[in-house]
Amino acid sequence: MVIGCLVIIGIIIYVYYWAFINMGRLPRGEFLSEAISPDGKYTLRAYGTSGGATTSYAIRGELVLNVRDNKTKNIYWNIRENTANISWSDNDTVIINGHIIDVPNGKYDFRNQS
């Protein structure tokens, strides 16, 4: 019985992570703009998405690691935006629509803000 409860709790936690935390499954979107960090190590690309009639416009920010074979990861996701204002304050800090993100490990996801 205890093992069954632990399995069910594990499944619930996994589904929650998959649906609300994992930024890897965000929609691709249409390319809007990009900005390269001052030292050239990173590029931030912004994409605009539209869920049609069911959801509002959103911006997805994708960080490109220029020094690591151009690997990419999503670091920004916010709804009710249709433009992306990107600026770099230093080599490791990017500002997207007023949200400050320390790269490469920082991120902003509207779903996980308290």
C-alpha atoms as a PDB file:
ATOM      1  CA  MET A   1       0.000   0.000   0.000  1.00  0.00           C
ATOM      2  CA  VAL A   2       2.837   2.424   0.882  1.00  0.00           C
ATOM      3  CA  ILE A   3       4.643   1.636  -2.374  1.00  0.00           C
ATOM      4  CA  GLY A   4       1.424   2.247  -4.323  1.00  0.00           C
ATOM      5  CA  CYS A   5       0.985   5.647  -2.663  1.00  0.00           C
ATOM      6  CA  LEU A   6       4.613   6.571  -3.395  1.00  0.00           C
ATOM      7  CA  VAL A   7       4.189   5.600  -7.055  1.00  0.00           C
ATOM      8  CA  ILE A   8       1.031   7.723  -7.355  1.00  0.00           C
ATOM      9  CA  ILE A   9       2.738  10.698  -5.663  1.00  0.00           C
ATOM     10  CA  GLY A  10       5.714  10.266  -8.000  1.00  0.00           C
ATOM     11  CA  ILE A  11       3.447  10.277 -11.052  1.00  0.00           C
ATOM     12  CA  ILE A  12       1.661  13.415  -9.848  1.00  0.00           C
ATOM     13  CA  ILE A  13       4.982  15.201  -9.281  1.00  0.00           C
ATOM     14  CA  TYR A  14       6.244  14.163 -12.720  1.00  0.00           C
ATOM     15  CA  VAL A  15       3.059  15.338 -14.482  1.00  0.00           C
ATOM     16  CA  TYR A  16       3.209  18.675 -12.622  1.00  0.00           C
ATOM     17  CA  TYR A  17       6.853  19.167 -13.666  1.00  0.00           C
ATOM     18  CA  TRP A  18       6.088  18.169 -17.263  1.00  0.00           C
ATOM     19  CA  ALA A  19       3.108  20.505 -17.532  1.00  0.00           C
ATOM     20  CA  PHE A  20       4.186  23.561 -15.529  1.00  0.00           C
ATOM     21  CA  ILE A  21       7.959  23.696 -15.047  1.00  0.00           C
ATOM     22  CA  ASN A  22       9.700  22.058 -18.014  1.00  0.00           C
ATOM     23  CA  MET A  23      10.604  24.810 -20.480  1.00  0.00           C
ATOM     24  CA  GLY A  24      11.740  22.294 -23.087  1.00  0.00           C
ATOM     25  CA  ARG A  25       8.250  21.770 -24.468  1.00  0.00           C
ATOM     26  CA  LEU A  26       7.375  25.393 -25.226  1.00  0.00           C
ATOM     27  CA  PRO A  27       6.070  26.210 -28.725  1.00  0.00           C
ATOM     28  CA  ARG A  28       8.713  27.192 -31.287  1.00  0.00           C
ATOM     29  CA  GLY A  29       7.133  30.480 -32.438  1.00  0.00           C
ATOM     30  CA  GLU A  30       8.219  32.943 -35.093  1.00  0.00           C
ATOM     31  CA  PHE A  31      11.629  34.616 -34.914  1.00  0.00           C
ATOM     32  CA  LEU A  32      11.461  38.252 -33.724  1.00  0.00           C
ATOM     33  CA  SER A  33      14.974  39.393 -32.854  1.00  0.00           C
ATOM     34  CA  GLU A  34      18.303  38.443 -31.340  1.00  0.00           C
ATOM     35  CA  ALA A  35      21.113  40.057 -29.367  1.00  0.00           C
ATOM     36  CA  ILE A  36      24.673  38.839 -28.844  1.00  0.00           C
ATOM     37  CA  SER A  37      26.415  39.254 -25.475  1.00  0.00           C
ATOM     38  CA  PRO A  38      29.291  41.763 -25.367  1.00  0.00           C
ATOM     39  CA  ASP A  39      31.916  38.990 -25.226  1.00  0.00           C
ATOM     40  CA  GLY A  40      30.193  36.918 -27.947  1.00  0.00           C
ATOM     41  CA  LYS A  41      29.711  33.829 -25.738  1.00  0.00           C
ATOM     42  CA  TYR A  42      25.896  33.946 -25.860  1.00  0.00           C
ATOM     43  CA  THR A  43      23.127  34.890 -28.249  1.00  0.00           C
ATOM     44  CA  LEU A  44      19.586  35.424 -27.067  1.00  0.00           C
ATOM     45  CA  ARG A  45      16.912  34.822 -29.698  1.00  0.00           C
ATOM     46  CA  ALA A  46      13.323  35.886 -29.132  1.00  0.00           C
ATOM     47  CA  TYR A  47      10.344  34.162 -30.689  1.00  0.00           C
ATOM     48  CA  GLY A  48       6.721  35.256 -30.643  1.00  0.00           C
ATOM     49  CA  THR A  49       3.994  32.658 -30.238  1.00  0.00           C
ATOM     50  CA  SER A  50       0.241  32.772 -30.514  1.00  0.00           C
ATOM     51  CA  GLY A  51      -2.094  30.149 -29.140  1.00  0.00           C
ATOM     52  CA  GLY A  52      -4.909  31.393 -31.323  1.00  0.00           C
ATOM     53  CA  ALA A  53      -8.235  32.030 -29.639  1.00  0.00           C
ATOM     54  CA  THR A  54      -7.410  30.014 -26.529  1.00  0.00           C
ATOM     55  CA  THR A  55      -4.318  31.805 -25.202  1.00  0.00           C
ATOM     56  CA  SER A  56      -2.664  35.206 -25.479  1.00  0.00           C
ATOM     57  CA  TYR A  57       0.533  36.104 -27.291  1.00  0.00           C
ATOM     58  CA  ALA A  58       3.771  35.071 -25.604  1.00  0.00           C
ATOM     59  CA  ILE A  59       7.503  35.542 -25.983  1.00  0.00           C
ATOM     60  CA  ARG A  60       9.965  32.662 -25.771  1.00  0.00           C
ATOM     61  CA  GLY A  61      13.635  33.484 -25.244  1.00  0.00           C
ATOM     62  CA  GLU A  62      16.199  30.957 -26.393  1.00  0.00           C
ATOM     63  CA  LEU A  63      19.807  31.179 -25.219  1.00  0.00           C
ATOM     64  CA  VAL A  64      22.417  29.978 -27.712  1.00  0.00           C
ATOM     65  CA  LEU A  65      25.726  28.916 -26.190  1.00  0.00           C
ATOM     66  CA  ASN A  66      28.072  30.089 -28.952  1.00  0.00           C
ATOM     67  CA  VAL A  67      31.164  28.497 -27.371  1.00  0.00           C
ATOM     68  CA  ARG A  68      29.533  25.078 -26.865  1.00  0.00           C
ATOM     69  CA  ASP A  69      28.603  23.948 -30.360  1.00  0.00           C
ATOM     70  CA  ASN A  70      25.620  26.342 -30.455  1.00  0.00           C
ATOM     71  CA  LYS A  71      23.589  24.366 -27.927  1.00  0.00           C
ATOM     72  CA  THR A  72      20.320  26.074 -27.066  1.00  0.00           C
ATOM     73  CA  LYS A  73      17.966  26.235 -24.120  1.00  0.00           C
ATOM     74  CA  ASN A  74      14.859  28.194 -23.261  1.00  0.00           C
ATOM     75  CA  ILE A  75      15.433  30.810 -20.571  1.00  0.00           C
ATOM     76  CA  TYR A  76      12.458  33.155 -20.992  1.00  0.00           C
ATOM     77  CA  TRP A  77       8.710  32.574 -21.248  1.00  0.00           C
ATOM     78  CA  ASN A  78       6.119  35.272 -20.642  1.00  0.00           C
ATOM     79  CA  ILE A  79       2.547  35.771 -21.795  1.00  0.00           C
ATOM     80  CA  ARG A  80       0.717  38.907 -22.911  1.00  0.00           C
ATOM     81  CA  GLU A  81       3.742  40.167 -24.847  1.00  0.00           C
ATOM     82  CA  ASN A  82       4.218  40.443 -28.580  1.00  0.00           C
ATOM     83  CA  THR A  83       7.556  42.271 -28.757  1.00  0.00           C
ATOM     84  CA  ALA A  84      10.941  41.526 -27.241  1.00  0.00           C
ATOM     85  CA  ASN A  85      13.249  44.281 -26.014  1.00  0.00           C
ATOM     86  CA  ILE A  86      16.615  42.620 -25.390  1.00  0.00           C
ATOM     87  CA  SER A  87      19.718  44.238 -23.951  1.00  0.00           C
ATOM     88  CA  TRP A  88      22.851  42.959 -22.258  1.00  0.00           C
ATOM     89  CA  SER A  89      23.966  44.763 -19.095  1.00  0.00           C
ATOM     90  CA  ASP A  90      27.223  42.763 -18.969  1.00  0.00           C
ATOM     91  CA  ASN A  91      28.680  39.539 -20.383  1.00  0.00           C
ATOM     92  CA  ASP A  92      26.458  37.297 -18.238  1.00  0.00           C
ATOM     93  CA  THR A  93      23.287  39.351 -17.646  1.00  0.00           C
ATOM     94  CA  VAL A  94      20.536  39.848 -20.182  1.00  0.00           C
ATOM     95  CA  ILE A  95      17.418  41.978 -19.769  1.00  0.00           C
ATOM     96  CA  ILE A  96      14.322  40.888 -21.675  1.00  0.00           C
ATOM     97  CA  ASN A  97      11.280  43.159 -21.448  1.00  0.00           C
ATOM     98  CA  GLY A  98      12.469  44.367 -18.045  1.00  0.00           C
ATOM     99  CA  HIS A  99      13.220  40.905 -16.610  1.00  0.00           C
ATOM    100  CA  ILE A 100      16.859  40.442 -15.561  1.00  0.00           C
ATOM    101  CA  ILE A 101      18.330  36.980 -16.183  1.00  0.00           C
ATOM    102  CA  ASP A 102      21.805  35.785 -15.223  1.00  0.00           C
ATOM    103  CA  VAL A 103      23.026  33.407 -17.918  1.00  0.00           C
ATOM    104  CA  PRO A 104      23.639  30.591 -18.519  1.00  0.00           C
ATOM    105  CA  ASN A 105      21.715  29.150 -15.538  1.00  0.00           C
ATOM    106  CA  GLY A 106      19.051  31.779 -14.834  1.00  0.00           C
ATOM    107  CA  LYS A 107      15.584  31.837 -16.347  1.00  0.00           C
ATOM    108  CA  TYR A 108      12.253  33.630 -16.202  1.00  0.00           C
ATOM    109  CA  ASP A 109       9.021  31.679 -16.532  1.00  0.00           C
ATOM    110  CA  PHE A 110       5.753  33.445 -15.679  1.00  0.00           C
ATOM    111  CA  ARG A 111       4.266  30.125 -14.530  1.00  0.00           C
ATOM    112  CA  ASN A 112       6.757  29.767 -11.681  1.00  0.00           C
ATOM    113  CA  GLN A 113       6.809  33.289 -10.203  1.00  0.00           C
ATOM    114  CA  SER A 114       5.483  33.786  -6.701  1.00  0.00           C
END
